[in-house]
N, C-alpha and C. Protein backbone atom coordinates (compact mmCIF):
# COMPACT_ATOMS: atom_id res chain seq x y z
N UNK A 1 -0.06 -20.51 6.96
CA UNK A 1 -0.10 -19.09 7.33
C UNK A 1 -0.60 -19.02 8.89
N UNK A 2 -0.01 -17.93 9.25
CA UNK A 2 -0.61 -17.69 10.73
C UNK A 2 -1.95 -16.98 10.61
N UNK A 3 -2.68 -17.05 11.73
CA UNK A 3 -3.98 -15.96 11.70
C UNK A 3 -3.72 -14.89 11.62
N UNK A 4 -4.38 -13.88 10.77
CA UNK A 4 -4.24 -12.56 10.72
C UNK A 4 -3.24 -12.16 9.74
N UNK A 5 -2.59 -12.95 9.16
CA UNK A 5 -1.93 -12.90 7.76
C UNK A 5 -2.58 -12.49 6.73
N UNK A 6 -2.43 -11.25 6.20
CA UNK A 6 -3.32 -10.73 5.13
C UNK A 6 -2.81 -11.34 3.82
N UNK A 7 -1.98 -12.19 3.84
CA UNK A 7 -1.67 -12.90 2.36
C UNK A 7 -2.88 -13.90 2.28
N UNK A 8 -3.72 -14.27 3.18
CA UNK A 8 -4.63 -15.31 3.01
C UNK A 8 -5.63 -15.03 1.81
N UNK A 9 -6.04 -13.52 1.65
CA UNK A 9 -6.96 -13.13 0.62
C UNK A 9 -6.64 -12.06 0.05
N UNK A 10 -5.76 -11.98 -0.89
CA UNK A 10 -5.37 -10.96 -1.61
C UNK A 10 -6.33 -10.80 -2.69
N UNK A 11 -7.64 -10.49 -2.51
CA UNK A 11 -8.53 -10.32 -3.57
C UNK A 11 -8.62 -8.59 -3.82
N UNK A 12 -8.38 -7.85 -2.87
CA UNK A 12 -8.41 -6.32 -2.83
C UNK A 12 -7.01 -5.82 -2.13
N UNK A 13 -6.89 -4.67 -2.97
CA UNK A 13 -5.72 -4.06 -2.44
C UNK A 13 -5.91 -3.40 -1.13
N UNK A 14 -4.89 -3.61 -0.32
CA UNK A 14 -4.87 -3.00 1.05
C UNK A 14 -5.01 -1.45 1.24
N UNK A 15 -4.31 -0.69 0.31
CA UNK A 15 -4.44 0.71 0.25
C UNK A 15 -5.70 1.21 -0.25
N UNK A 16 -5.96 0.95 -1.59
CA UNK A 16 -7.00 1.53 -2.15
C UNK A 16 -8.22 0.88 -2.16
N UNK A 17 -8.24 -0.39 -1.87
CA UNK A 17 -9.35 -1.27 -1.72
C UNK A 17 -10.01 -1.60 -3.07
N UNK A 18 -9.35 -1.43 -4.25
CA UNK A 18 -10.04 -1.91 -5.40
C UNK A 18 -9.53 -3.36 -5.63
N UNK A 19 -10.36 -4.10 -6.67
CA UNK A 19 -9.86 -5.43 -6.90
C UNK A 19 -8.41 -5.45 -7.53
N UNK A 20 -7.78 -6.39 -6.93
CA UNK A 20 -6.22 -6.62 -7.60
C UNK A 20 -6.33 -7.19 -9.13
N UNK A 21 -5.44 -6.66 -9.84
CA UNK A 21 -5.37 -7.35 -11.09
C UNK A 21 -4.35 -8.60 -11.21
N UNK A 22 -3.55 -8.63 -12.31
CA UNK A 22 -2.57 -9.69 -12.63
C UNK A 22 -1.25 -9.45 -11.77
N UNK A 23 -0.81 -8.34 -11.69
CA UNK A 23 0.42 -8.02 -10.75
C UNK A 23 -0.04 -7.55 -9.56
N UNK A 24 0.56 -8.31 -8.60
CA UNK A 24 0.34 -8.05 -7.03
C UNK A 24 1.78 -7.78 -6.66
N UNK A 25 2.03 -6.82 -5.44
CA UNK A 25 3.08 -6.79 -4.89
C UNK A 25 2.75 -6.86 -3.31
N UNK A 26 3.55 -7.25 -2.66
CA UNK A 26 3.61 -7.39 -1.08
C UNK A 26 4.38 -6.40 -0.41
N UNK A 27 3.70 -5.84 0.46
CA UNK A 27 4.17 -4.81 1.29
C UNK A 27 4.23 -5.07 2.79
N UNK A 28 5.20 -4.89 3.44
CA UNK A 28 5.39 -4.81 4.85
C UNK A 28 4.78 -3.26 5.32
N UNK A 29 3.68 -3.40 5.85
CA UNK A 29 3.37 -2.02 6.52
C UNK A 29 4.36 -1.64 7.87
N UNK A 30 4.74 -2.43 8.42
CA UNK A 30 6.04 -2.11 9.04
C UNK A 30 7.23 -2.53 8.45
N UNK A 31 8.05 -1.95 7.84
CA UNK A 31 9.09 -2.24 7.11
C UNK A 31 10.14 -3.32 7.77
N UNK A 32 10.43 -4.32 6.91
CA UNK A 32 11.35 -5.31 7.47
C UNK A 32 12.57 -5.00 8.10
N UNK A 33 13.02 -3.78 7.68
CA UNK A 33 14.09 -3.11 8.40
C UNK A 33 13.84 -2.69 9.70
N UNK A 34 12.59 -2.42 9.93
CA UNK A 34 12.21 -2.04 11.35
C UNK A 34 11.52 -3.08 12.03
N UNK A 35 11.73 -4.30 11.45
CA UNK A 35 10.90 -5.47 12.41
C UNK A 35 9.78 -5.90 12.01
N UNK A 36 9.35 -5.46 10.91
CA UNK A 36 7.92 -5.94 10.40
C UNK A 36 7.98 -7.25 9.72
N UNK A 37 6.95 -7.87 10.01
CA UNK A 37 6.92 -9.35 9.51
C UNK A 37 5.44 -9.49 8.73
N UNK A 38 4.38 -8.97 9.03
CA UNK A 38 3.12 -9.12 8.36
C UNK A 38 3.38 -8.39 6.99
N UNK A 39 2.69 -9.05 5.80
CA UNK A 39 2.67 -8.56 4.56
C UNK A 39 1.19 -8.37 3.95
N UNK A 40 0.97 -7.33 3.26
CA UNK A 40 -0.47 -7.23 2.63
C UNK A 40 -0.29 -7.04 1.15
N UNK A 41 -1.23 -7.34 0.32
CA UNK A 41 -1.31 -7.20 -1.07
C UNK A 41 -1.68 -5.88 -1.54
N UNK A 42 -0.85 -5.45 -2.47
CA UNK A 42 -1.01 -4.05 -2.90
C UNK A 42 -0.83 -3.97 -4.62
N UNK A 43 -1.60 -3.13 -5.29
CA UNK A 43 -1.20 -2.76 -6.65
C UNK A 43 0.18 -2.42 -6.67
N UNK A 44 0.96 -2.39 -7.73
CA UNK A 44 2.27 -1.92 -7.79
C UNK A 44 2.26 -0.39 -7.73
N UNK A 45 1.22 0.16 -8.26
CA UNK A 45 1.25 1.77 -8.09
C UNK A 45 1.01 2.36 -6.89
N UNK A 46 0.11 1.37 -6.17
CA UNK A 46 -0.02 1.82 -4.67
C UNK A 46 1.22 1.61 -3.92
N UNK A 47 1.83 0.57 -4.11
CA UNK A 47 3.15 0.20 -3.48
C UNK A 47 4.16 1.27 -3.81
N UNK A 48 4.44 1.72 -4.81
CA UNK A 48 5.29 2.81 -5.05
C UNK A 48 4.82 4.10 -4.61
N UNK A 49 3.51 4.49 -4.65
CA UNK A 49 3.04 5.61 -3.94
C UNK A 49 3.26 5.72 -2.35
N UNK A 50 3.24 4.54 -1.85
CA UNK A 50 3.34 4.45 -0.46
C UNK A 50 5.01 4.98 -0.07
N UNK A 51 5.76 4.29 -0.72
CA UNK A 51 7.23 4.45 -0.75
C UNK A 51 7.77 5.84 -1.18
N UNK A 52 7.08 6.46 -2.14
CA UNK A 52 7.35 7.81 -2.74
C UNK A 52 6.84 8.74 -1.76
N UNK A 53 5.98 8.44 -0.85
CA UNK A 53 5.36 9.36 0.03
C UNK A 53 5.80 9.38 1.60
N UNK A 54 6.28 8.15 1.96
CA UNK A 54 6.77 7.93 3.35
C UNK A 54 8.15 7.29 3.43
N UNK A 55 9.04 7.81 4.50
CA UNK A 55 10.07 7.02 4.76
C UNK A 55 9.82 5.81 5.54
N UNK A 56 10.78 4.84 5.69
CA UNK A 56 10.62 3.53 6.45
C UNK A 56 10.30 4.00 7.83
N UNK A 57 10.84 5.06 8.54
CA UNK A 57 10.61 5.36 9.79
C UNK A 57 9.16 5.89 9.93
N UNK A 58 8.60 6.72 8.95
CA UNK A 58 7.32 7.08 9.05
C UNK A 58 6.33 5.97 9.13
N UNK A 59 6.75 4.88 8.02
CA UNK A 59 5.93 3.75 7.84
C UNK A 59 5.78 3.16 9.28
N UNK A 60 6.95 2.96 9.75
CA UNK A 60 7.03 2.14 11.20
C UNK A 60 6.01 2.69 12.22
N UNK A 61 6.32 4.05 12.43
CA UNK A 61 5.16 4.66 13.22
C UNK A 61 3.75 4.66 13.00
N UNK A 62 3.56 4.31 11.98
CA UNK A 62 1.91 4.17 11.34
C UNK A 62 1.48 2.79 11.63
N UNK A 63 2.53 1.88 11.38
CA UNK A 63 2.23 0.34 11.48
C UNK A 63 1.21 0.13 10.25
N UNK A 64 0.37 -0.88 10.66
CA UNK A 64 -0.61 -1.33 9.83
C UNK A 64 -1.93 -0.85 9.89
N UNK A 65 -1.91 0.56 10.49
CA UNK A 65 -3.04 1.56 10.48
C UNK A 65 -3.15 2.19 9.01
N UNK A 66 -4.02 1.49 8.29
CA UNK A 66 -4.21 2.07 6.80
C UNK A 66 -4.93 3.58 7.28
N UNK A 67 -5.81 3.65 8.21
CA UNK A 67 -6.55 4.96 8.32
C UNK A 67 -5.48 6.01 8.40
N UNK A 68 -4.48 5.89 9.17
CA UNK A 68 -3.37 6.80 9.48
C UNK A 68 -2.68 7.35 8.24
N UNK A 69 -2.61 6.27 7.27
CA UNK A 69 -1.93 6.60 5.90
C UNK A 69 -2.80 7.54 5.01
N UNK A 70 -3.99 7.39 5.04
CA UNK A 70 -5.07 7.95 4.28
C UNK A 70 -5.34 9.51 4.90
N UNK A 71 -4.90 9.50 6.05
CA UNK A 71 -4.88 11.03 6.53
C UNK A 71 -4.01 12.00 5.87
N UNK A 72 -2.92 11.49 5.39
CA UNK A 72 -2.09 12.24 4.48
C UNK A 72 -2.54 12.71 3.29
N UNK A 73 -2.67 14.04 3.01
CA UNK A 73 -3.11 14.79 1.79
C UNK A 73 -2.66 14.13 0.57
N UNK A 74 -1.40 13.76 0.37
CA UNK A 74 -0.79 13.14 -0.76
C UNK A 74 -1.66 11.77 -1.02
N UNK A 75 -1.82 10.96 -0.06
CA UNK A 75 -2.39 9.67 -0.22
C UNK A 75 -3.78 9.88 -0.42
N UNK A 76 -4.58 10.79 0.21
CA UNK A 76 -5.90 11.00 0.22
C UNK A 76 -6.14 11.52 -1.30
N UNK A 77 -5.43 12.32 -1.73
CA UNK A 77 -5.52 12.73 -3.38
C UNK A 77 -5.32 11.50 -4.22
N UNK A 78 -4.31 10.69 -4.03
CA UNK A 78 -4.08 9.51 -4.69
C UNK A 78 -5.27 8.56 -4.78
N UNK A 79 -5.70 8.20 -3.57
CA UNK A 79 -6.86 7.41 -3.56
C UNK A 79 -8.19 7.89 -4.35
N UNK A 80 -8.37 9.14 -4.26
CA UNK A 80 -9.39 9.79 -5.08
C UNK A 80 -9.18 9.58 -6.56
N UNK A 81 -7.99 9.89 -7.16
CA UNK A 81 -7.59 9.83 -8.31
C UNK A 81 -7.74 8.31 -8.88
N UNK A 82 -7.23 7.39 -8.02
CA UNK A 82 -7.10 6.01 -8.59
C UNK A 82 -8.51 5.33 -8.31
N UNK A 83 -9.36 5.75 -7.68
CA UNK A 83 -10.73 4.90 -7.38
C UNK A 83 -11.23 4.29 -8.39
N UNK A 84 -11.43 4.97 -9.75
CA UNK A 84 -12.18 4.54 -10.81
C UNK A 84 -11.28 3.89 -11.83
N UNK A 85 -9.90 3.68 -11.60
CA UNK A 85 -9.06 3.07 -12.57
C UNK A 85 -9.29 1.60 -12.71
N UNK A 86 -9.00 0.85 -13.75
CA UNK A 86 -8.91 -0.65 -13.80
C UNK A 86 -7.96 -1.18 -12.77
N UNK A 87 -8.07 -2.44 -12.30
CA UNK A 87 -7.07 -3.19 -11.59
C UNK A 87 -5.66 -3.12 -11.98
N UNK A 88 -5.46 -3.12 -13.24
CA UNK A 88 -4.10 -3.42 -13.85
C UNK A 88 -3.63 -1.89 -14.30
N UNK A 89 -4.23 -0.86 -13.93
CA UNK A 89 -3.73 0.37 -14.36
C UNK A 89 -2.27 0.78 -13.71
N UNK A 90 -1.65 1.23 -14.60
CA UNK A 90 -0.28 1.77 -13.89
C UNK A 90 0.11 3.14 -14.56
N UNK A 91 0.82 3.94 -13.72
CA UNK A 91 1.43 5.07 -14.39
C UNK A 91 2.56 5.48 -13.59
N UNK A 92 3.56 6.23 -13.97
CA UNK A 92 4.46 6.70 -13.53
C UNK A 92 4.33 7.25 -11.88
N UNK A 93 5.27 6.87 -10.96
CA UNK A 93 5.21 7.52 -9.78
C UNK A 93 6.37 8.43 -9.59
N UNK A 94 5.88 9.69 -9.04
CA UNK A 94 7.09 10.64 -8.96
C UNK A 94 7.71 10.07 -7.79
N UNK A 95 9.15 10.64 -7.86
CA UNK A 95 10.14 10.13 -6.87
C UNK A 95 9.74 10.95 -5.61
N UNK A 96 10.29 10.35 -4.37
CA UNK A 96 10.18 10.99 -3.07
C UNK A 96 10.88 12.45 -3.17
N UNK A 97 9.98 13.25 -2.50
CA UNK A 97 10.59 14.78 -2.42
C UNK A 97 11.35 14.77 -1.15
């Protein structure tokens, strides 16, 4: 692994910062279709929420800046809602509007 590759320590979710459970998904903060190579570990619900909230172009613009994602009201609300859920919690994610 290259230095800075976030796969090295997948103990916590990149988006919500909760402990990861049994199911881990790998997300490209900059989408592969837009040239992204780095990956980060996420809960499946966090991964689906990101893609239901942002287009690949929007994700490309924000890059690996988690703080920019958290400024979005939908993501901020999601993070508040999910903060006390167990690591393997999952619920249906609404489709992108």
